[in-house]
Amino acid sequence: MYTTAWSGLFGNLDLRPGETVVVRGATSSLGQAAVNLAVDHSATVLTTTQDPQ
């Protein structure tokens, strides 16, 4: 999951510190990996989920 998240955030999006990224499906394993990586690289993270709670 972390390899896929890394590729999406940094390979495709070229996410840089201080930028904001929206992670859809943040409760999935891939979503959690993306959140963790983005936060670790000083990005602001907004998340969505289908879970109403």
N, C-alpha and C. Protein backbone atom coordinates (compact mmCIF):
# COMPACT_ATOMS: atom_id res chain seq x y z
N MET A 1 0.81 -1.19 0.00
CA MET A 1 0.00 0.00 0.00
C MET A 1 0.86 1.27 0.00
N TYR A 2 1.93 1.25 0.75
CA TYR A 2 2.77 2.45 0.83
C TYR A 2 3.44 2.76 -0.50
N THR A 3 3.82 1.74 -1.25
CA THR A 3 4.44 1.98 -2.56
C THR A 3 3.46 2.63 -3.51
N THR A 4 2.23 2.16 -3.50
CA THR A 4 1.19 2.74 -4.36
C THR A 4 0.88 4.17 -3.94
N ALA A 5 0.76 4.40 -2.65
CA ALA A 5 0.48 5.75 -2.14
C ALA A 5 1.63 6.69 -2.48
N TRP A 6 2.86 6.23 -2.29
CA TRP A 6 4.04 7.05 -2.60
C TRP A 6 4.05 7.43 -4.08
N SER A 7 3.79 6.47 -4.94
CA SER A 7 3.78 6.72 -6.37
C SER A 7 2.73 7.76 -6.74
N GLY A 8 1.55 7.64 -6.17
CA GLY A 8 0.48 8.60 -6.46
C GLY A 8 0.79 10.00 -5.96
N LEU A 9 1.27 10.09 -4.73
CA LEU A 9 1.51 11.41 -4.12
C LEU A 9 2.73 12.12 -4.69
N PHE A 10 3.81 11.37 -4.84
CA PHE A 10 5.07 12.02 -5.20
C PHE A 10 5.48 11.78 -6.65
N GLY A 11 5.10 10.65 -7.21
CA GLY A 11 5.41 10.39 -8.61
C GLY A 11 4.44 11.10 -9.55
N ASN A 12 3.15 10.96 -9.27
CA ASN A 12 2.13 11.56 -10.14
C ASN A 12 1.81 13.01 -9.78
N LEU A 13 1.59 13.26 -8.52
CA LEU A 13 1.16 14.61 -8.10
C LEU A 13 2.32 15.55 -7.77
N ASP A 14 3.51 15.00 -7.55
CA ASP A 14 4.68 15.80 -7.16
C ASP A 14 4.35 16.66 -5.94
N LEU A 15 3.74 16.02 -4.93
CA LEU A 15 3.34 16.72 -3.71
C LEU A 15 4.56 17.29 -3.00
N ARG A 16 4.45 18.54 -2.57
CA ARG A 16 5.55 19.23 -1.90
C ARG A 16 5.10 19.71 -0.52
N PRO A 17 6.05 19.89 0.39
CA PRO A 17 5.72 20.38 1.73
C PRO A 17 4.90 21.68 1.65
N GLY A 18 3.89 21.77 2.49
CA GLY A 18 3.05 22.96 2.54
C GLY A 18 1.86 22.92 1.60
N GLU A 19 1.84 22.00 0.65
CA GLU A 19 0.69 21.88 -0.24
C GLU A 19 -0.44 21.13 0.46
N THR A 20 -1.62 21.22 -0.11
CA THR A 20 -2.79 20.53 0.43
C THR A 20 -3.22 19.44 -0.53
N VAL A 21 -3.56 18.29 0.03
CA VAL A 21 -4.01 17.15 -0.77
C VAL A 21 -5.30 16.62 -0.14
N VAL A 22 -6.23 16.18 -0.98
CA VAL A 22 -7.47 15.54 -0.52
C VAL A 22 -7.31 14.04 -0.75
N VAL A 23 -7.51 13.27 0.30
CA VAL A 23 -7.44 11.82 0.20
C VAL A 23 -8.86 11.29 0.34
N ARG A 24 -9.39 10.75 -0.75
CA ARG A 24 -10.72 10.15 -0.72
C ARG A 24 -10.59 8.71 -0.26
N GLY A 25 -11.48 8.27 0.59
CA GLY A 25 -11.40 6.90 1.10
C GLY A 25 -10.31 6.75 2.14
N ALA A 26 -10.20 7.71 3.02
CA ALA A 26 -9.09 7.75 3.98
C ALA A 26 -9.13 6.63 5.01
N THR A 27 -10.23 5.89 5.10
CA THR A 27 -10.28 4.80 6.06
C THR A 27 -9.80 3.48 5.47
N SER A 28 -9.52 3.44 4.17
CA SER A 28 -8.97 2.23 3.55
C SER A 28 -7.48 2.14 3.86
N SER A 29 -6.89 0.98 3.63
CA SER A 29 -5.45 0.83 3.90
C SER A 29 -4.63 1.74 2.99
N LEU A 30 -5.02 1.87 1.73
CA LEU A 30 -4.31 2.76 0.82
C LEU A 30 -4.50 4.22 1.25
N GLY A 31 -5.71 4.58 1.63
CA GLY A 31 -5.98 5.94 2.09
C GLY A 31 -5.18 6.29 3.34
N GLN A 32 -5.10 5.36 4.27
CA GLN A 32 -4.33 5.59 5.49
C GLN A 32 -2.85 5.76 5.17
N ALA A 33 -2.34 4.95 4.26
CA ALA A 33 -0.94 5.08 3.86
C ALA A 33 -0.69 6.45 3.23
N ALA A 34 -1.61 6.89 2.37
CA ALA A 34 -1.47 8.20 1.73
C ALA A 34 -1.49 9.33 2.75
N VAL A 35 -2.39 9.24 3.71
CA VAL A 35 -2.45 10.25 4.78
C VAL A 35 -1.14 10.27 5.55
N ASN A 36 -0.66 9.12 5.95
CA ASN A 36 0.58 9.04 6.73
C ASN A 36 1.76 9.63 5.96
N LEU A 37 1.90 9.27 4.70
CA LEU A 37 3.01 9.78 3.90
C LEU A 37 2.91 11.29 3.69
N ALA A 38 1.72 11.77 3.40
CA ALA A 38 1.55 13.21 3.15
C ALA A 38 1.84 14.01 4.42
N VAL A 39 1.34 13.55 5.55
CA VAL A 39 1.59 14.25 6.82
C VAL A 39 3.08 14.22 7.14
N ASP A 40 3.72 13.07 6.94
CA ASP A 40 5.16 12.95 7.22
C ASP A 40 5.99 13.89 6.35
N HIS A 41 5.44 14.31 5.22
CA HIS A 41 6.15 15.22 4.32
C HIS A 41 5.59 16.65 4.39
N SER A 42 4.98 16.97 5.53
CA SER A 42 4.53 18.34 5.85
C SER A 42 3.48 18.90 4.91
N ALA A 43 2.62 18.04 4.39
CA ALA A 43 1.49 18.51 3.58
C ALA A 43 0.27 18.64 4.48
N THR A 44 -0.65 19.47 4.08
CA THR A 44 -1.95 19.55 4.74
C THR A 44 -2.84 18.52 4.08
N VAL A 45 -3.54 17.73 4.89
CA VAL A 45 -4.34 16.63 4.36
C VAL A 45 -5.80 16.83 4.73
N LEU A 46 -6.67 16.80 3.73
CA LEU A 46 -8.11 16.77 3.92
C LEU A 46 -8.58 15.38 3.53
N THR A 47 -9.53 14.82 4.26
CA THR A 47 -9.94 13.45 3.98
C THR A 47 -11.45 13.34 3.81
N THR A 48 -11.85 12.29 3.11
CA THR A 48 -13.26 11.94 2.98
C THR A 48 -13.41 10.45 3.24
N THR A 49 -14.62 10.06 3.61
CA THR A 49 -14.95 8.65 3.79
C THR A 49 -16.44 8.49 3.60
N GLN A 50 -16.87 7.28 3.30
CA GLN A 50 -18.31 7.02 3.18
C GLN A 50 -18.93 6.70 4.52
N ASP A 51 -18.14 6.44 5.52
CA ASP A 51 -18.64 6.09 6.85
C ASP A 51 -19.32 7.30 7.47
N PRO A 52 -20.62 7.22 7.77
CA PRO A 52 -21.35 8.37 8.31
C PRO A 52 -20.97 8.72 9.75
N GLN A 53 -20.21 7.89 10.41
CA GLN A 53 -19.87 8.18 11.81
C GLN A 53 -18.62 8.94 11.85
